[in-house]
C-alpha cells in the first residue's frame, strides 16, 4: 500500500552543503522531518555538484518519512556562471551586463531540458534566451534554424 503524502517542500540548497541551519532546518523541522537524515542524504547525492545551487522538492509522508528529487540548477544561475557575472542588470532593458552566443544558450537548454515544460530544443533555447534577456544579458548572433 502506498504511503499517504502529507505535503511537499521546495528549497534551493547549494550542492553538498545542506546543514540544519536556516533555511533547511526550520522548513523541515516544522513538518517533523528528520533534518540530519535529509542533510546526509542530500549531501551524499549532490557531492559531485558541490557549490552549485540546486532546487530540491521534498515530499514528506504522514509517517514522517520523506523522498526528495534534486533538479538541475536554475537557468539564471547557469547564465551567471557562463558570463562570470555576480548578478543580472538592475535595468535589463537599458543596461546590458554581458553577451552570450546561441551555442552557449544551446548547452544550457540541453542541460535544463529535463526540467522545462517544452518538447523541442528550439523552444527550450527560446526560454533560456528569454531568461537571459530579463537579466540584461544579450544573445549575439542569429537564432540557429534547421533549414
N, C-alpha and C. Protein backbone atom coordinates (compact mmCIF):
# COMPACT_ATOMS: atom_id res chain seq x y z
N UNK A 1 0.84 -1.19 0.00
CA UNK A 1 0.00 0.00 0.00
C UNK A 1 0.88 1.25 0.00
N UNK A 2 0.48 2.25 -0.75
CA UNK A 2 1.26 3.48 -0.86
C UNK A 2 1.14 4.32 0.41
N UNK A 3 2.19 5.06 0.70
CA UNK A 3 2.18 5.94 1.86
C UNK A 3 1.31 7.16 1.58
N UNK A 4 0.73 7.71 2.64
CA UNK A 4 -0.10 8.90 2.49
C UNK A 4 0.79 10.14 2.47
N UNK A 5 0.72 10.91 1.38
CA UNK A 5 1.53 12.11 1.25
C UNK A 5 0.95 13.21 2.12
N UNK A 6 1.80 13.79 2.97
CA UNK A 6 1.36 14.88 3.84
C UNK A 6 1.61 16.24 3.20
N UNK A 7 2.59 16.35 2.32
CA UNK A 7 2.87 17.62 1.65
C UNK A 7 4.20 17.63 0.94
N UNK A 8 4.54 18.82 0.38
CA UNK A 8 5.80 19.00 -0.33
C UNK A 8 6.46 20.29 0.13
N UNK A 9 7.78 20.29 0.10
CA UNK A 9 8.56 21.50 0.41
C UNK A 9 9.53 21.70 -0.75
N UNK A 10 9.63 22.94 -1.24
CA UNK A 10 10.58 23.26 -2.30
C UNK A 10 11.64 24.18 -1.72
N UNK A 11 12.92 23.78 -1.88
CA UNK A 11 14.04 24.57 -1.39
C UNK A 11 15.10 24.68 -2.47
N UNK A 12 15.98 25.67 -2.33
CA UNK A 12 17.16 25.77 -3.18
C UNK A 12 18.37 25.75 -2.25
N UNK A 13 19.19 24.71 -2.39
CA UNK A 13 20.32 24.48 -1.50
C UNK A 13 21.58 24.29 -2.34
N UNK A 14 22.72 24.77 -1.85
CA UNK A 14 23.97 24.53 -2.56
C UNK A 14 24.33 23.05 -2.45
N UNK A 15 24.78 22.49 -3.56
CA UNK A 15 25.12 21.07 -3.61
C UNK A 15 26.19 20.69 -2.61
N UNK A 16 25.96 19.62 -1.87
CA UNK A 16 26.92 19.13 -0.90
C UNK A 16 27.07 20.00 0.34
N UNK A 17 26.17 20.99 0.51
CA UNK A 17 26.32 21.93 1.63
C UNK A 17 25.05 22.08 2.45
N UNK A 18 24.21 21.06 2.48
CA UNK A 18 23.00 21.15 3.29
C UNK A 18 23.38 20.99 4.76
N UNK A 19 22.87 21.88 5.61
CA UNK A 19 23.09 21.78 7.05
C UNK A 19 21.82 22.22 7.78
N UNK A 20 21.71 21.93 9.07
CA UNK A 20 20.46 22.18 9.79
C UNK A 20 20.13 23.66 10.02
N UNK A 21 21.03 24.56 9.64
CA UNK A 21 20.75 25.98 9.84
C UNK A 21 19.71 26.45 8.82
N UNK A 22 19.12 27.64 9.01
CA UNK A 22 18.14 28.14 8.05
C UNK A 22 18.76 28.20 6.65
N UNK A 23 18.02 27.96 5.61
CA UNK A 23 16.57 27.74 5.52
C UNK A 23 16.15 26.28 5.69
N UNK A 24 17.11 25.35 5.70
CA UNK A 24 16.76 23.93 5.72
C UNK A 24 16.12 23.50 7.04
N UNK A 25 16.77 23.81 8.15
CA UNK A 25 16.30 23.37 9.46
C UNK A 25 14.87 23.74 9.79
N UNK A 26 14.53 25.03 9.77
CA UNK A 26 13.16 25.42 10.11
C UNK A 26 12.10 24.85 9.15
N UNK A 27 12.44 24.79 7.85
CA UNK A 27 11.47 24.28 6.86
C UNK A 27 11.14 22.82 7.13
N UNK A 28 12.16 22.01 7.45
CA UNK A 28 11.93 20.58 7.68
C UNK A 28 11.45 20.31 9.11
N UNK A 29 12.01 21.02 10.07
CA UNK A 29 11.67 20.80 11.48
C UNK A 29 10.21 21.07 11.78
N UNK A 30 9.64 22.08 11.14
CA UNK A 30 8.24 22.40 11.39
C UNK A 30 7.30 21.31 10.88
N UNK A 31 7.79 20.48 9.96
CA UNK A 31 6.98 19.37 9.41
C UNK A 31 7.28 18.06 10.12
N UNK A 32 8.24 18.06 11.05
CA UNK A 32 8.57 16.85 11.78
C UNK A 32 9.48 15.90 11.03
N UNK A 33 10.22 16.41 10.05
CA UNK A 33 11.11 15.58 9.25
C UNK A 33 12.48 15.54 9.93
N UNK A 34 13.16 14.39 9.89
CA UNK A 34 14.49 14.25 10.47
C UNK A 34 15.48 15.08 9.64
N UNK A 35 15.91 16.21 10.20
CA UNK A 35 16.75 17.17 9.47
C UNK A 35 18.11 16.58 9.14
N UNK A 36 18.76 15.94 10.09
CA UNK A 36 20.10 15.41 9.85
C UNK A 36 20.09 14.29 8.80
N UNK A 37 19.04 13.48 8.81
CA UNK A 37 18.94 12.40 7.82
C UNK A 37 18.83 12.99 6.42
N UNK A 38 18.00 14.05 6.27
CA UNK A 38 17.88 14.71 4.97
C UNK A 38 19.23 15.30 4.54
N UNK A 39 19.89 15.99 5.46
CA UNK A 39 21.17 16.63 5.13
C UNK A 39 22.20 15.59 4.66
N UNK A 40 22.28 14.45 5.35
CA UNK A 40 23.23 13.40 4.97
C UNK A 40 22.92 12.86 3.58
N UNK A 41 21.63 12.55 3.31
CA UNK A 41 21.26 12.01 2.01
C UNK A 41 21.48 13.02 0.90
N UNK A 42 21.09 14.29 1.13
CA UNK A 42 21.24 15.33 0.11
C UNK A 42 22.72 15.55 -0.21
N UNK A 43 23.55 15.66 0.82
CA UNK A 43 24.98 15.90 0.60
C UNK A 43 25.64 14.74 -0.12
N UNK A 44 25.23 13.51 0.20
CA UNK A 44 25.79 12.34 -0.48
C UNK A 44 25.39 12.32 -1.95
N UNK A 45 24.15 12.70 -2.24
CA UNK A 45 23.65 12.66 -3.62
C UNK A 45 24.19 13.81 -4.48
N UNK A 46 24.59 14.92 -3.84
CA UNK A 46 24.98 16.10 -4.61
C UNK A 46 26.45 16.47 -4.45
N UNK A 47 27.29 15.58 -3.94
CA UNK A 47 28.68 15.94 -3.73
C UNK A 47 29.42 16.21 -5.04
N UNK A 48 28.96 15.65 -6.17
CA UNK A 48 29.59 15.92 -7.46
C UNK A 48 29.24 17.31 -7.99
N UNK A 49 28.18 17.93 -7.46
CA UNK A 49 27.77 19.27 -7.90
C UNK A 49 28.00 20.28 -6.78
N UNK A 50 29.08 20.12 -6.05
CA UNK A 50 29.36 20.96 -4.88
C UNK A 50 29.43 22.44 -5.26
N UNK A 51 28.76 23.28 -4.47
CA UNK A 51 28.79 24.72 -4.68
C UNK A 51 27.72 25.26 -5.58
N UNK A 52 27.11 24.41 -6.43
CA UNK A 52 26.05 24.88 -7.32
C UNK A 52 24.72 24.89 -6.58
N UNK A 53 23.91 25.92 -6.83
CA UNK A 53 22.58 25.99 -6.22
C UNK A 53 21.69 24.99 -6.94
N UNK A 54 21.06 24.10 -6.16
CA UNK A 54 20.21 23.06 -6.73
C UNK A 54 18.82 23.12 -6.12
N UNK A 55 17.78 23.22 -6.95
CA UNK A 55 16.43 23.13 -6.42
C UNK A 55 16.14 21.70 -5.99
N UNK A 56 15.44 21.55 -4.89
CA UNK A 56 15.09 20.21 -4.41
C UNK A 56 13.62 20.24 -3.98
N UNK A 57 12.88 19.20 -4.37
CA UNK A 57 11.48 19.07 -3.96
C UNK A 57 11.40 17.89 -3.01
N UNK A 58 11.03 18.19 -1.77
CA UNK A 58 10.94 17.16 -0.73
C UNK A 58 9.48 16.80 -0.54
N UNK A 59 9.16 15.53 -0.72
CA UNK A 59 7.81 15.02 -0.47
C UNK A 59 7.85 14.31 0.87
N UNK A 60 7.03 14.78 1.81
CA UNK A 60 7.02 14.13 3.12
C UNK A 60 5.67 13.46 3.34
N UNK A 61 5.73 12.35 4.09
CA UNK A 61 4.58 11.49 4.27
C UNK A 61 4.04 11.59 5.69
N UNK A 62 2.85 11.04 5.89
CA UNK A 62 2.19 11.10 7.20
C UNK A 62 3.00 10.41 8.29
N UNK A 63 3.80 9.39 7.93
CA UNK A 63 4.61 8.68 8.93
C UNK A 63 5.98 9.35 9.16
N UNK A 64 6.14 10.61 8.74
CA UNK A 64 7.34 11.44 8.92
C UNK A 64 8.53 11.01 8.06
N UNK A 65 8.33 10.07 7.14
CA UNK A 65 9.40 9.71 6.21
C UNK A 65 9.35 10.70 5.05
N UNK A 66 10.38 10.67 4.19
CA UNK A 66 10.42 11.62 3.09
C UNK A 66 11.17 11.05 1.89
N UNK A 67 10.90 11.63 0.72
CA UNK A 67 11.64 11.39 -0.51
C UNK A 67 12.00 12.76 -1.05
N UNK A 68 13.04 12.84 -1.85
CA UNK A 68 13.32 14.13 -2.48
C UNK A 68 13.88 13.95 -3.87
N UNK A 69 13.62 14.94 -4.72
CA UNK A 69 14.08 14.96 -6.09
C UNK A 69 14.97 16.19 -6.26
N UNK A 70 16.19 15.99 -6.75
CA UNK A 70 17.11 17.09 -7.00
C UNK A 70 17.01 17.46 -8.47
N UNK A 71 16.77 18.73 -8.74
CA UNK A 71 16.63 19.21 -10.12
C UNK A 71 17.95 19.82 -10.59
N UNK A 72 18.00 20.22 -11.86
CA UNK A 72 19.20 20.89 -12.39
C UNK A 72 19.22 22.34 -11.92
N UNK A 73 20.40 22.96 -11.88
CA UNK A 73 20.49 24.35 -11.41
C UNK A 73 19.60 25.28 -12.23
N UNK A 74 19.07 26.34 -11.61
CA UNK A 74 18.22 27.28 -12.35
C UNK A 74 18.97 27.91 -13.52
N UNK A 75 18.22 28.27 -14.57
CA UNK A 75 18.80 28.87 -15.77
C UNK A 75 19.54 30.15 -15.42
N UNK A 76 18.97 30.97 -14.55
CA UNK A 76 19.60 32.24 -14.18
C UNK A 76 20.99 32.00 -13.58
N UNK A 77 21.13 30.99 -12.74
CA UNK A 77 22.42 30.69 -12.12
C UNK A 77 23.41 30.18 -13.18
N UNK A 78 22.94 29.35 -14.11
CA UNK A 78 23.81 28.85 -15.16
C UNK A 78 24.27 29.99 -16.07
N UNK A 79 23.37 30.95 -16.35
CA UNK A 79 23.75 32.10 -17.17
C UNK A 79 24.82 32.93 -16.47
N UNK A 80 24.67 33.13 -15.17
CA UNK A 80 25.67 33.91 -14.42
C UNK A 80 27.02 33.19 -14.42
N UNK A 81 27.01 31.85 -14.34
CA UNK A 81 28.26 31.09 -14.39
C UNK A 81 28.95 31.24 -15.74
N UNK A 82 28.16 31.17 -16.82
CA UNK A 82 28.72 31.27 -18.17
C UNK A 82 29.32 32.65 -18.41
N UNK A 83 28.61 33.70 -17.97
CA UNK A 83 29.07 35.07 -18.21
C UNK A 83 30.05 35.55 -17.15
N UNK A 84 30.24 34.78 -16.08
CA UNK A 84 31.12 35.14 -14.96
C UNK A 84 30.71 36.47 -14.32
N UNK A 85 29.40 36.71 -14.23
CA UNK A 85 28.85 37.90 -13.58
C UNK A 85 28.42 37.56 -12.17
N UNK A 86 28.34 38.57 -11.31
CA UNK A 86 27.86 38.36 -9.94
C UNK A 86 26.33 38.38 -9.89
N UNK A 87 25.72 39.25 -10.71
CA UNK A 87 24.26 39.34 -10.75
C UNK A 87 23.84 39.90 -12.10
N UNK A 88 22.53 39.87 -12.34
CA UNK A 88 22.00 40.42 -13.57
C UNK A 88 21.94 41.93 -13.50
N UNK A 89 21.44 42.55 -14.54
CA UNK A 89 21.35 44.01 -14.62
C UNK A 89 20.18 44.51 -13.78
N UNK A 90 20.36 45.68 -13.13
CA UNK A 90 19.27 46.30 -12.39
C UNK A 90 18.24 46.88 -13.36
N UNK A 91 18.70 47.30 -14.54
CA UNK A 91 17.81 47.80 -15.59
C UNK A 91 18.07 47.01 -16.87
N UNK A 92 17.50 45.81 -16.99
CA UNK A 92 17.83 44.95 -18.13
C UNK A 92 17.45 45.53 -19.49
N UNK A 93 16.45 46.43 -19.52
CA UNK A 93 16.05 46.99 -20.80
C UNK A 93 17.01 48.10 -21.25
N UNK A 94 17.78 48.69 -20.34
CA UNK A 94 18.70 49.78 -20.68
C UNK A 94 20.16 49.37 -20.61
N UNK A 95 20.54 48.68 -19.55
CA UNK A 95 21.96 48.33 -19.34
C UNK A 95 22.16 46.82 -19.52
N UNK A 96 22.96 46.48 -20.51
CA UNK A 96 23.31 45.07 -20.72
C UNK A 96 24.61 44.78 -19.98
N UNK A 97 24.64 43.69 -19.22
CA UNK A 97 25.83 43.38 -18.42
C UNK A 97 26.77 42.39 -19.11
N UNK A 98 26.25 41.62 -20.06
CA UNK A 98 27.09 40.61 -20.72
C UNK A 98 26.44 40.18 -22.03
N UNK A 99 27.15 39.35 -22.76
CA UNK A 99 26.63 38.80 -24.00
C UNK A 99 27.03 37.34 -24.09
N UNK A 100 26.12 36.51 -24.61
CA UNK A 100 26.42 35.09 -24.81
C UNK A 100 26.04 34.71 -26.24
N UNK A 101 26.53 33.57 -26.70
CA UNK A 101 26.24 33.11 -28.04
C UNK A 101 25.09 32.10 -28.01
N UNK A 102 24.53 31.82 -29.16
CA UNK A 102 23.45 30.82 -29.24
C UNK A 102 23.98 29.43 -28.90
N UNK A 103 25.27 29.19 -29.13
CA UNK A 103 25.86 27.90 -28.79
C UNK A 103 25.85 27.69 -27.27
N UNK A 104 26.16 28.77 -26.51
CA UNK A 104 26.10 28.69 -25.05
C UNK A 104 24.67 28.50 -24.58
N UNK A 105 23.72 29.19 -25.23
CA UNK A 105 22.31 29.04 -24.90
C UNK A 105 21.88 27.59 -25.12
N UNK A 106 22.37 27.00 -26.22
CA UNK A 106 22.01 25.61 -26.56
C UNK A 106 22.51 24.64 -25.49
N UNK A 107 23.74 24.82 -24.99
CA UNK A 107 24.27 23.91 -23.97
C UNK A 107 23.47 24.02 -22.68
N UNK A 108 23.08 25.25 -22.29
CA UNK A 108 22.25 25.43 -21.09
C UNK A 108 20.88 24.79 -21.30
N UNK A 109 20.29 24.98 -22.48
CA UNK A 109 18.97 24.41 -22.77
C UNK A 109 19.00 22.88 -22.75
N UNK A 110 20.08 22.29 -23.29
CA UNK A 110 20.20 20.82 -23.28
C UNK A 110 20.31 20.30 -21.86
N UNK A 111 21.05 21.02 -21.01
CA UNK A 111 21.21 20.63 -19.61
C UNK A 111 19.90 20.74 -18.85
N UNK A 112 19.14 21.79 -19.12
CA UNK A 112 17.93 22.09 -18.36
C UNK A 112 16.67 21.44 -18.96
N UNK A 113 16.80 20.83 -20.13
CA UNK A 113 15.65 20.29 -20.88
C UNK A 113 14.76 19.36 -20.05
N UNK A 114 15.33 18.56 -19.17
CA UNK A 114 14.54 17.60 -18.39
C UNK A 114 13.57 18.30 -17.44
N UNK A 115 13.90 19.52 -16.99
CA UNK A 115 13.05 20.23 -16.03
C UNK A 115 12.12 21.25 -16.69
N UNK A 116 12.32 21.54 -17.98
CA UNK A 116 11.49 22.54 -18.65
C UNK A 116 10.22 21.89 -19.20
N UNK A 117 9.18 22.71 -19.35
CA UNK A 117 7.93 22.19 -19.87
C UNK A 117 7.81 22.49 -21.37
N UNK A 118 8.78 21.99 -22.13
CA UNK A 118 8.74 22.13 -23.58
C UNK A 118 9.24 20.83 -24.21
N UNK A 119 8.95 20.67 -25.49
CA UNK A 119 9.24 19.40 -26.15
C UNK A 119 10.42 19.47 -27.11
N UNK A 120 10.72 20.65 -27.66
CA UNK A 120 11.80 20.75 -28.63
C UNK A 120 12.95 21.56 -28.05
N UNK A 121 14.14 21.32 -28.57
CA UNK A 121 15.31 22.05 -28.13
C UNK A 121 15.20 23.53 -28.50
N UNK A 122 14.57 23.81 -29.66
CA UNK A 122 14.42 25.20 -30.09
C UNK A 122 13.59 26.00 -29.09
N UNK A 123 12.49 25.42 -28.62
CA UNK A 123 11.66 26.14 -27.65
C UNK A 123 12.38 26.29 -26.31
N UNK A 124 13.18 25.28 -25.93
CA UNK A 124 13.98 25.39 -24.71
C UNK A 124 15.00 26.51 -24.84
N UNK A 125 15.62 26.62 -26.02
CA UNK A 125 16.59 27.69 -26.25
C UNK A 125 15.92 29.06 -26.17
N UNK A 126 14.70 29.17 -26.68
CA UNK A 126 13.98 30.45 -26.60
C UNK A 126 13.65 30.81 -25.15
N UNK A 127 13.33 29.80 -24.33
CA UNK A 127 13.07 30.06 -22.91
C UNK A 127 14.33 30.55 -22.20
N UNK A 128 15.46 29.93 -22.49
CA UNK A 128 16.73 30.33 -21.88
C UNK A 128 17.10 31.75 -22.35
N UNK A 129 16.90 32.02 -23.65
CA UNK A 129 17.20 33.36 -24.18
C UNK A 129 16.30 34.41 -23.53
N UNK A 130 15.05 34.07 -23.26
CA UNK A 130 14.15 35.00 -22.58
C UNK A 130 14.61 35.29 -21.16
N UNK A 131 15.09 34.28 -20.46
CA UNK A 131 15.63 34.49 -19.11
C UNK A 131 16.86 35.39 -19.19
N UNK A 132 17.72 35.14 -20.18
CA UNK A 132 18.92 35.98 -20.35
C UNK A 132 18.52 37.43 -20.61
N UNK A 133 17.53 37.64 -21.46
CA UNK A 133 17.08 39.00 -21.78
C UNK A 133 16.57 39.71 -20.53
N UNK A 134 15.83 38.99 -19.69
CA UNK A 134 15.28 39.62 -18.49
C UNK A 134 16.36 39.88 -17.43
N UNK A 135 17.55 39.31 -17.62
CA UNK A 135 18.66 39.55 -16.70
C UNK A 135 19.62 40.61 -17.24
N UNK A 136 19.36 41.12 -18.44
CA UNK A 136 20.26 42.10 -19.04
C UNK A 136 21.43 41.47 -19.75
N UNK A 137 21.27 40.23 -20.19
CA UNK A 137 22.32 39.53 -20.95
C UNK A 137 21.83 39.41 -22.39
N UNK A 138 22.59 39.96 -23.33
CA UNK A 138 22.17 39.89 -24.73
C UNK A 138 22.69 38.60 -25.37
N UNK A 139 21.92 38.09 -26.32
CA UNK A 139 22.31 36.88 -27.05
C UNK A 139 22.75 37.33 -28.44
N UNK A 140 24.03 37.08 -28.77
CA UNK A 140 24.58 37.56 -30.03
C UNK A 140 24.43 36.51 -31.12
N UNK A 141 24.31 37.00 -32.35
CA UNK A 141 24.20 36.11 -33.50
C UNK A 141 22.76 35.86 -33.89
N UNK A 142 22.60 35.01 -34.91
CA UNK A 142 21.28 34.65 -35.41
C UNK A 142 20.80 33.37 -34.75
N UNK A 143 19.50 33.27 -34.53
CA UNK A 143 18.94 32.04 -33.96
C UNK A 143 19.16 30.92 -34.96
N UNK A 144 19.81 29.81 -34.54
CA UNK A 144 20.09 28.71 -35.48
C UNK A 144 18.79 27.99 -35.87
N UNK A 145 18.57 27.90 -37.17
CA UNK A 145 17.37 27.21 -37.66
C UNK A 145 17.78 25.95 -38.39
N UNK A 146 16.89 24.98 -38.43
CA UNK A 146 17.16 23.70 -39.09
C UNK A 146 16.56 23.70 -40.48
N UNK A 147 17.08 24.50 -41.38
CA UNK A 147 16.56 24.56 -42.75
C UNK A 147 17.30 23.59 -43.63
